[in-house]
Protein backbone atom coordinates (compact mmCIF):
# COMPACT_ATOMS: atom_id res chain seq x y z
CA MET A 1 -36.46 67.89 -13.53
CA ASN A 2 -39.36 67.31 -11.18
CA GLY A 3 -37.63 67.52 -7.81
CA GLU A 4 -40.72 66.62 -5.80
CA LYS A 5 -41.35 63.43 -7.76
CA LEU A 6 -37.67 62.49 -7.62
CA ARG A 7 -37.68 62.98 -3.85
CA ASP A 8 -40.74 60.75 -3.55
CA LEU A 9 -39.17 58.14 -5.84
CA LEU A 10 -35.93 57.99 -3.86
CA GLN A 11 -37.67 58.01 -0.48
CA LYS A 12 -40.00 55.14 -1.34
CA SER A 13 -37.25 53.16 -3.06
CA LYS A 14 -34.98 53.59 -0.04
CA GLU A 15 -37.73 52.21 2.20
CA GLU A 16 -38.27 49.28 -0.13
CA PHE A 17 -34.75 48.41 -1.31
CA GLY A 18 -32.55 50.10 1.29
CA GLN A 19 -31.82 46.98 3.30
CA TYR A 20 -30.89 45.05 0.16
CA TRP A 21 -28.56 47.89 -0.84
CA GLU A 22 -26.86 48.02 2.56
CA GLU A 23 -26.28 44.27 2.56
CA ASN A 24 -24.77 44.11 -0.93
CA TRP A 25 -23.16 47.44 -1.83
CA LYS A 26 -19.71 46.82 -0.30
CA LYS A 27 -19.45 43.41 -1.94
CA ILE A 28 -20.29 44.91 -5.33
CA HIS A 29 -17.94 47.84 -4.97
CA GLU A 30 -15.03 45.63 -3.98
CA ILE A 31 -15.42 43.57 -7.15
CA TYR A 32 -15.72 46.59 -9.43
CA TRP A 33 -12.78 48.33 -7.80
CA LYS A 34 -10.58 45.38 -8.74
CA PHE A 35 -11.18 46.18 -12.40
CA VAL A 36 -10.27 49.84 -11.94
CA ASP A 37 -7.14 48.93 -10.00
CA ARG A 38 -6.18 46.37 -12.63
CA ILE A 39 -6.24 48.96 -15.41
CA ILE A 40 -4.48 51.64 -13.36
CA ASN A 41 -1.66 49.18 -12.70
CA GLY A 42 -1.06 48.39 -16.36
CA GLY A 43 -3.78 45.90 -17.28
CA ASP A 44 -5.24 46.10 -20.77
CA PRO A 45 -8.96 46.96 -20.50
CA ARG A 46 -9.52 45.31 -23.88
CA SER A 47 -8.85 41.94 -22.27
CA LEU A 48 -11.75 42.35 -19.87
CA LYS A 49 -14.56 39.95 -20.66
CA TYR A 50 -17.97 39.65 -19.10
CA GLU A 51 -16.95 36.20 -17.91
CA ASP A 52 -14.27 37.86 -15.79
CA LEU A 53 -16.96 39.13 -13.47
CA GLU A 54 -17.13 36.79 -10.53
CA SER A 55 -20.11 34.45 -10.54
CA GLU A 56 -21.18 36.03 -7.26
CA LEU A 57 -21.62 39.32 -9.08
CA LYS A 58 -23.39 37.88 -12.11
CA ASN A 59 -25.77 35.60 -10.27
CA LYS A 60 -26.56 37.34 -7.01
CA TYR A 61 -26.39 41.05 -7.66
CA LYS A 62 -28.03 41.60 -11.03
CA ASP A 63 -30.07 44.57 -9.95
CA ILE A 64 -27.11 46.49 -8.60
CA ASP A 65 -25.05 45.39 -11.60
CA ARG A 66 -27.68 47.07 -13.76
CA CYS A 67 -26.62 50.47 -12.43
CA PHE A 68 -23.45 50.32 -14.45
CA TRP A 69 -22.81 50.84 -18.13
CA PHE A 70 -23.90 47.54 -19.64
CA ILE A 71 -21.36 44.82 -18.86
CA PHE A 72 -19.47 47.39 -16.80
CA GLY A 73 -18.28 49.39 -19.79
CA VAL A 74 -16.50 46.37 -21.23
CA LYS A 75 -18.15 46.75 -24.61
CA GLY A 76 -16.98 50.34 -24.70
CA VAL A 77 -13.32 49.47 -24.15
CA GLU A 78 -12.99 46.43 -26.41
CA GLY A 79 -12.43 48.54 -29.54
CA LEU A 80 -10.01 51.08 -28.10
CA SER A 81 -6.78 51.83 -29.94
CA ASN A 82 -3.46 51.60 -28.12
CA ARG A 83 -3.47 55.39 -27.82
CA ASP A 84 -6.96 55.42 -26.34
CA VAL A 85 -6.10 52.66 -23.88
CA GLU A 86 -3.32 54.83 -22.49
CA LYS A 87 -5.65 57.85 -22.43
CA PHE A 88 -8.20 55.81 -20.54
CA ARG A 89 -5.56 54.72 -18.04
CA GLU A 90 -4.48 58.34 -17.60
CA PHE A 91 -8.10 59.29 -16.96
CA LEU A 92 -8.49 56.67 -14.22
CA ILE A 93 -5.18 57.61 -12.59
CA GLU A 94 -5.90 61.34 -12.64
CA ILE A 95 -9.41 61.06 -11.30
CA SER A 96 -8.37 58.60 -8.59
CA ASN A 97 -5.67 61.05 -7.46
CA SER A 98 -8.03 64.02 -7.40
CA SER A 99 -8.33 65.59 -3.97
CA SER A 100 -11.60 67.46 -4.41
CA GLU A 101 -14.91 67.12 -6.17
CA ASN A 102 -14.23 70.20 -8.30
CA GLU A 103 -10.89 68.81 -9.44
CA ALA A 104 -12.43 65.42 -10.30
CA THR A 105 -15.26 67.11 -12.20
CA GLU A 106 -12.77 69.10 -14.29
CA ILE A 107 -10.91 65.89 -15.11
CA LEU A 108 -14.12 64.23 -16.28
CA LYS A 109 -14.89 67.26 -18.43
CA LYS A 110 -11.35 67.27 -19.87
CA TYR A 111 -11.57 63.67 -21.05
CA GLU A 112 -15.13 63.92 -22.41
CA SER A 113 -13.97 63.88 -26.05
CA GLU A 114 -10.45 62.55 -25.58
CA ILE A 115 -11.11 58.81 -25.80
CA ARG A 116 -12.75 57.55 -28.95
CA GLY A 117 -15.37 54.95 -28.04
CA LEU A 118 -15.93 56.09 -24.46
CA GLY A 119 -18.50 58.83 -24.07
CA ILE A 120 -19.61 60.73 -21.02
CA ALA A 121 -22.00 58.01 -19.80
CA SER A 122 -19.27 55.38 -19.78
CA LEU A 123 -16.55 57.64 -18.32
CA ALA A 124 -18.88 58.85 -15.57
CA THR A 125 -19.68 55.25 -14.69
CA TRP A 126 -16.00 54.40 -14.21
CA ALA A 127 -15.59 57.64 -12.27
CA SER A 128 -18.45 56.64 -9.98
CA ILE A 129 -16.55 53.51 -8.95
CA ILE A 130 -13.65 55.66 -7.78
CA HIS A 131 -15.74 58.46 -6.26
CA PRO A 132 -19.28 57.19 -5.56
CA LYS A 133 -20.10 60.30 -3.54
CA TRP A 134 -19.28 62.58 -6.46
CA PHE A 135 -20.46 60.82 -9.62
CA VAL A 136 -23.52 58.87 -10.65
CA PRO A 137 -23.78 56.36 -13.51
CA LEU A 138 -26.47 57.79 -15.82
CA TRP A 139 -26.62 55.42 -18.75
CA GLY A 140 -29.82 54.50 -20.54
CA ASN A 141 -32.34 55.92 -22.97
CA PRO A 142 -35.97 56.76 -22.14
CA GLN A 143 -36.88 56.02 -25.76
CA ALA A 144 -35.22 52.59 -25.92
CA ARG A 145 -37.43 49.74 -27.03
CA GLY A 146 -37.72 46.43 -25.25
CA GLY A 147 -38.83 47.75 -21.89
CA PRO A 148 -37.13 49.93 -19.29
CA ARG A 149 -33.49 48.97 -18.79
CA GLY A 150 -30.90 51.32 -17.42
CA VAL A 151 -30.46 53.98 -14.81
CA ILE A 152 -32.38 56.34 -17.09
CA ASN A 153 -35.39 54.68 -18.67
CA SER A 154 -38.92 55.33 -19.86
CA TYR A 155 -40.24 55.20 -16.29
CA ASN A 156 -38.00 57.85 -14.74
CA GLY A 157 -36.92 59.89 -17.78
CA PRO A 158 -39.80 62.38 -17.39
CA ILE A 159 -38.97 62.82 -13.69
CA LEU A 160 -35.30 63.50 -14.47
CA GLY A 161 -36.22 65.79 -17.36
CA VAL A 162 -34.30 63.58 -19.79
CA ASN A 163 -35.90 62.50 -23.06
CA ALA A 164 -32.87 60.81 -24.67
CA SER A 165 -29.55 59.29 -23.61
CA ILE A 166 -27.08 61.75 -22.10
CA GLN A 167 -24.46 62.75 -24.66
CA SER A 168 -22.55 65.70 -23.20
CA PHE A 169 -20.74 66.65 -20.02
CA ASP A 170 -22.88 69.77 -19.57
CA GLN A 171 -26.09 67.76 -19.69
CA TYR A 172 -24.65 65.11 -17.37
CA ASN A 173 -23.44 67.67 -14.85
CA GLU A 174 -26.78 69.49 -14.83
CA VAL A 175 -28.70 66.30 -14.05
CA LEU A 176 -26.08 65.20 -11.50
CA THR A 177 -26.26 68.52 -9.64
CA LYS A 178 -30.03 68.34 -9.29
CA ILE A 179 -29.92 64.69 -8.23
CA LYS A 180 -27.42 65.53 -5.48
CA GLU A 181 -29.63 68.30 -4.14
CA VAL A 182 -32.62 65.98 -3.80
CA ALA A 183 -30.59 63.02 -2.50
CA LYS A 184 -29.06 65.18 0.22
CA GLU A 185 -32.53 66.10 1.49
CA ILE A 186 -33.31 62.47 2.26
CA GLY A 187 -29.88 61.49 3.56
CA ILE A 188 -28.37 59.72 0.56
CA ASP A 189 -24.75 60.61 -0.19
CA ASN A 190 -23.82 57.62 -2.37
CA MET A 191 -24.68 58.42 -5.98
CA ILE A 192 -24.55 54.78 -7.03
CA GLU A 193 -27.25 54.13 -4.44
CA VAL A 194 -29.32 56.76 -6.24
CA ALA A 195 -28.67 54.98 -9.54
CA PHE A 196 -29.75 51.68 -7.98
CA TYR A 197 -33.07 53.17 -6.92
CA LEU A 198 -33.60 54.85 -10.29
CA SER A 199 -32.95 51.61 -12.17
CA ASN A 200 -35.49 49.74 -10.02
CA TYR A 201 -38.20 52.38 -10.11
CA GLN A 202 -41.59 51.47 -11.52
CA PRO A 203 -44.74 53.60 -11.43
CA GLU A 204 -47.27 53.02 -8.70
CA ASN A 205 -49.64 51.22 -11.05
CA GLU A 206 -47.08 48.43 -11.40
CA ASP A 207 -47.57 45.62 -8.91
CA SER A 208 -44.77 46.18 -6.41
CA LYS A 209 -45.29 42.72 -4.90
CA LYS A 210 -44.57 41.09 -8.25
CA ARG A 211 -41.50 43.25 -8.63
CA ARG A 212 -40.16 42.11 -5.27
CA ILE A 213 -40.89 38.48 -6.09
CA LYS A 214 -38.95 38.88 -9.34
CA LEU A 215 -36.06 40.34 -7.36
CA ILE A 216 -36.13 37.31 -5.06
CA LEU A 217 -36.16 34.93 -8.04
CA GLU A 218 -33.15 36.70 -9.54
CA ASN A 219 -31.16 36.30 -6.34
CA VAL A 220 -31.88 32.69 -5.37
CA SER A 221 -30.35 29.82 -7.28
CA ILE A 222 -31.83 26.31 -7.03
CA SER A 223 -30.51 23.48 -9.16
CA GLU A 224 -32.92 21.13 -10.86
CA ASP A 225 -31.37 18.23 -8.97
CA GLU A 226 -31.84 19.93 -5.59
CA PHE A 227 -35.47 20.74 -6.33
CA ARG A 228 -36.30 17.25 -7.63
CA LYS A 229 -34.85 15.62 -4.52
CA ILE A 230 -36.97 17.79 -2.25
CA ARG A 231 -40.10 17.32 -4.34
CA ASN A 232 -39.63 13.54 -4.45
CA ILE A 233 -39.07 13.28 -0.69
CA ILE A 234 -42.31 15.18 -0.03
CA TYR A 235 -44.29 13.08 -2.49
CA ASP A 236 -42.88 9.82 -1.16
CA VAL A 237 -43.93 10.63 2.41
CA ARG A 238 -47.28 11.96 1.19
CA GLU A 239 -48.10 8.72 -0.63
CA LYS A 240 -47.12 6.60 2.37
CA ILE A 241 -49.32 8.67 4.69
CA LEU A 242 -52.33 8.48 2.37
CA ALA A 243 -51.85 4.74 1.81
CA HIS A 244 -51.98 4.09 5.57
CA ILE A 245 -54.29 6.88 6.71
CA ASP A 246 -56.85 4.52 8.29
CA GLU A 247 -54.12 2.83 10.32
CA LEU A 248 -52.65 6.19 11.33
CA LYS A 249 -56.00 7.13 12.83
CA GLU A 250 -55.27 4.63 15.60
CA SER A 251 -51.48 5.05 15.70
CA GLY A 252 -49.19 7.07 17.88
CA TRP A 253 -46.05 8.95 16.94
CA GLU A 254 -43.59 6.06 17.28
CA ASN A 255 -45.63 3.53 15.32
CA GLY A 256 -46.71 5.47 12.27
CA TRP A 257 -46.71 9.25 12.36
CA ASP A 258 -42.94 9.39 12.85
CA ILE A 259 -42.68 8.99 9.08
CA LEU A 260 -42.89 12.80 9.11
CA ASN A 261 -39.35 12.83 10.55
CA GLN A 262 -38.13 11.97 7.07
CA LEU A 263 -39.06 15.52 6.03
CA ASN A 264 -37.18 17.39 8.74
CA SER A 265 -34.40 19.78 7.76
CA PRO A 266 -32.00 19.41 6.04
CA ARG A 267 -33.85 16.96 3.78
CA VAL A 268 -36.64 19.50 3.26
CA PRO A 269 -35.04 22.60 4.77
CA TYR A 270 -38.24 24.57 5.37
CA LEU A 271 -40.19 21.75 7.09
CA ASP A 272 -39.83 20.65 10.71
CA PHE A 273 -42.02 18.13 12.54
CA ARG A 274 -39.90 17.70 15.66
CA GLU A 275 -42.18 19.81 17.83
CA ILE A 276 -45.34 18.03 16.75
CA SER A 277 -44.00 14.71 18.07
CA LYS A 278 -44.44 16.08 21.61
CA ALA A 279 -48.09 16.82 20.88
CA PHE A 280 -48.73 13.21 19.83
CA ARG A 281 -47.22 11.89 23.02
CA GLN A 282 -49.38 14.15 25.20
CA HIS A 283 -52.69 14.04 23.31
CA ARG A 284 -54.01 10.68 22.17
CA GLU A 285 -56.89 12.27 20.26
CA LEU A 286 -54.47 14.05 17.92
CA SER A 287 -54.05 11.00 15.66
CA GLU A 288 -57.77 10.84 14.93
CA ILE A 289 -58.07 14.62 14.45
CA LEU A 290 -55.20 14.83 11.95
CA ALA A 291 -56.14 11.65 10.08
CA GLY A 292 -59.63 13.02 9.52
CA TYR A 293 -58.21 16.37 8.42
CA ILE A 294 -55.81 14.74 5.97
CA LYS A 295 -58.60 12.72 4.36
CA ARG A 296 -60.79 15.79 3.94
CA LEU A 297 -57.90 17.86 2.65
CA ASN A 298 -56.86 15.25 0.12
CA ASP A 299 -60.43 14.93 -1.15
CA ALA A 300 -60.99 18.70 -1.43
CA ARG A 301 -61.69 19.76 -5.00
CA SER A 302 -61.87 23.52 -4.62
CA LEU A 303 -60.29 26.34 -2.66
CA GLU A 304 -63.51 26.64 -0.70
CA ASP A 305 -63.27 22.97 0.32
CA ILE A 306 -59.64 23.41 1.34
CA ARG A 307 -60.46 26.50 3.37
CA ARG A 308 -63.36 24.74 5.05
CA SER A 309 -61.17 21.76 5.98
CA MET A 310 -58.57 23.94 7.66
CA GLU A 311 -61.07 26.22 9.38
CA GLU A 312 -62.79 23.14 10.82
CA VAL A 313 -59.63 21.55 12.21
CA ALA A 314 -58.09 24.74 13.64
CA PRO A 315 -60.48 25.03 16.63
CA GLN A 316 -59.82 21.37 17.49
CA LEU A 317 -56.10 22.07 17.78
CA ARG A 318 -56.16 25.36 19.68
CA ASN A 319 -55.80 23.81 23.12
CA ILE A 320 -53.27 21.16 22.12
CA GLN A 321 -49.73 22.09 23.10
CA HIS A 322 -46.84 21.79 20.63
CA ILE A 323 -48.97 22.07 17.53
CA GLY A 324 -49.59 25.54 16.21
CA ILE A 325 -50.40 27.04 12.88
CA THR A 326 -46.85 26.48 11.57
CA GLN A 327 -46.99 22.72 12.19
CA LEU A 328 -50.46 22.56 10.63
CA LEU A 329 -49.24 24.41 7.54
CA HIS A 330 -46.24 22.10 7.23
CA LEU A 331 -48.51 19.06 7.28
CA SER A 332 -50.94 20.70 4.85
CA HIS A 333 -48.07 21.51 2.47
CA VAL A 334 -47.09 17.82 2.41
CA ILE A 335 -50.63 16.61 1.68
CA ARG A 336 -51.56 19.39 -0.75
CA PRO A 337 -48.33 20.87 -2.16
CA ASP A 338 -50.43 22.51 -4.87
CA SER A 339 -52.30 24.66 -2.36
CA PHE A 340 -50.14 25.48 0.67
CA ILE A 341 -47.11 27.64 1.31
CA PRO A 342 -45.90 27.39 4.93
CA VAL A 343 -45.97 31.16 5.32
CA THR A 344 -45.38 31.24 9.08
CA GLN A 345 -42.07 29.35 8.89
CA TRP A 346 -39.46 31.83 10.14
CA GLN A 347 -37.28 32.30 7.06
CA ILE A 348 -40.29 32.21 4.75
CA SER A 349 -42.10 34.78 6.88
CA LYS A 350 -39.13 37.16 6.47
CA SER A 351 -39.33 36.88 2.68
CA ILE A 352 -43.08 37.35 2.65
CA CYS A 353 -42.84 40.48 4.78
CA TYR A 354 -40.33 41.84 2.28
CA ILE A 355 -42.74 41.09 -0.59
CA TYR A 356 -45.59 42.85 1.23
CA ASN A 357 -43.39 45.70 2.47
CA ASN A 358 -44.09 44.72 6.10
CA THR A 359 -47.83 45.28 5.68
CA ILE A 360 -50.08 42.21 5.73
CA ASP A 361 -53.81 42.68 6.12
CA ASN A 362 -55.16 41.56 9.51
CA ILE A 363 -51.75 40.29 10.60
CA THR A 364 -49.62 43.42 10.93
CA GLY A 365 -52.32 46.02 10.32
CA ILE A 366 -50.24 49.05 9.38
CA LYS A 367 -46.67 48.83 8.08
CA ASP A 368 -44.68 47.17 10.85
CA GLU A 369 -40.95 46.38 10.96
CA SER A 370 -41.75 43.49 13.30
CA CYS A 371 -43.81 41.88 10.54
CA PRO A 372 -41.73 38.64 10.35
CA GLY A 373 -42.19 38.00 14.05
CA LYS A 374 -45.91 38.71 13.90
CA LEU A 375 -46.43 36.46 10.89
CA HIS A 376 -44.30 33.68 12.39
CA GLY A 377 -46.24 33.90 15.64
CA THR A 378 -49.72 34.06 14.12
CA SER A 379 -52.28 32.14 16.15
CA MET A 380 -54.86 29.60 15.02
CA GLU A 381 -57.54 32.26 15.45
CA LYS A 382 -56.20 33.98 12.33
CA ILE A 383 -56.26 30.92 10.11
CA SER A 384 -58.61 32.61 7.63
CA ASN A 385 -56.23 35.56 7.26
CA VAL A 386 -53.32 33.19 6.71
CA LEU A 387 -55.27 31.36 4.01
CA ASP A 388 -56.01 34.69 2.31
CA LEU A 389 -52.28 35.44 2.31
CA ILE A 390 -51.42 32.03 0.84
CA ASN A 391 -54.00 32.39 -1.92
CA ASP A 392 -52.70 35.85 -2.77
CA LEU A 393 -49.14 34.54 -3.01
CA ARG A 394 -50.25 31.66 -5.21
CA SER A 395 -52.06 34.08 -7.51
CA LEU A 396 -48.93 36.22 -7.80
CA ALA A 397 -46.80 33.17 -8.59
CA GLU A 398 -49.19 32.20 -11.38
CA GLU A 399 -48.35 35.45 -13.19
CA ILE A 400 -44.56 35.39 -12.88
CA ASN A 401 -42.02 33.62 -15.05
CA PRO A 402 -40.50 31.11 -14.52
CA LEU A 403 -42.81 30.01 -11.69
CA ASN A 404 -45.90 29.92 -13.90
CA GLU A 405 -44.16 27.52 -16.26
CA LEU A 406 -44.20 24.80 -13.59
CA PRO A 407 -47.13 22.48 -12.80
CA GLU A 408 -49.21 23.89 -9.97
CA ASP A 409 -47.98 21.48 -7.28
CA GLU A 410 -44.33 21.97 -8.25
CA ARG A 411 -44.76 25.73 -8.46
CA THR A 412 -45.83 26.05 -4.84
CA THR A 413 -43.11 23.71 -3.59
CA LYS A 414 -40.37 25.52 -5.47
CA PHE A 415 -41.73 28.92 -4.44
CA SER A 416 -41.65 27.81 -0.79
CA LEU A 417 -38.02 26.72 -1.12
CA ILE A 418 -37.07 30.00 -2.82
CA LEU A 419 -38.76 32.04 -0.09
CA TYR A 420 -36.98 30.01 2.57
CA LYS A 421 -33.57 30.58 1.00
CA TYR A 422 -34.09 34.28 0.41
CA GLY A 423 -35.24 34.70 4.00
CA GLY A 424 -31.93 33.49 5.34
CA GLY A 425 -32.03 29.75 4.93
CA ASP A 426 -28.81 27.87 4.38
CA LEU A 427 -28.02 28.45 0.71
CA GLU A 428 -25.25 25.89 0.80
CA SER A 429 -27.09 23.01 2.48
CA GLU A 430 -27.43 19.86 0.46
CA VAL A 431 -30.42 17.56 0.48
CA GLU A 432 -29.59 14.16 1.87
CA GLU A 433 -30.01 11.12 -0.31
């Protein structure tokens, strides 16, 4: 085992995924413990089906779920004989009653070859549910085809010194002992947390931003009906604005521009035009400025034209109260949903800072835990930097399934909604008819 590389792997993974782990671990453990308790109290493990896992576990916690023997060992127990079911129950009872790590380790060793169909990898996984500080799930095979899947995989196998799936207690215990030594150095005492980081590890040449986006996509659920309602609301308002843009040039908030109120949350949860209404009431020239901007933006045929349109309007808005970069991005997203993500919206900014590991060029400078606040509060002077960020996000989305399967305008709209929800938006809110 390469202890130095393992230490680096765990340290970086803790920085990147630690918050996600802290937020979800107890929920996961509670669900898994129910299965252990069920078997200890007489339940037949052969009756366990994957569908028995609560939808919360299946849909929201896939990456932590991946730490465990595939489908939580269910496939391993389905074929057990009556004798082996009772042996398995005895194993769980004995190890749950163990009062020390040494005693629990001896129990694991004792049952290594006692239960036909459950090898060391599966038994150790069940043991880790009962004693997460003592045992680590170490399933997986560095030589498996179909990409890295498992706690041990082709990415981390060389670091762990494992070139095939673990088959014996002695091999398991040797790897476990070394893992504990390294984990202790960086303050990790939960071995399932170690397994979580191992299962998510990818070499540095892999795009970590894409990996985080994929994690977000796996943990946010949006129905087709919900998305279509939001998309249609945006397009309906967009078409009405463009159809009356010449009239809006001379209109105030109450007699034209207030159509934007139709987009306020909860109808489109990540858009809010309530603040901008104050700007219209205090600055008569705003109608002409924004109408001209909308016409130029709608006519833009390239990213350069879009950038030029926004960079031209930003200085005109700097001294107008109640309209900042967030309101401008919201309006731009409505007119050109193919090109704009409202990155400074609060919940979206939190997700983006997670994707960029709290380091955004020319906005945070170095890695900064206050990244969401800095991005949310970005001034008009940094409009070019914000556009660079948006273009980078759009490029990433183009390379990730299932986002890249959507038309360009729908891709950006759906991505914005996903980022909003992952950043703490109301996952249960419904779009009004």
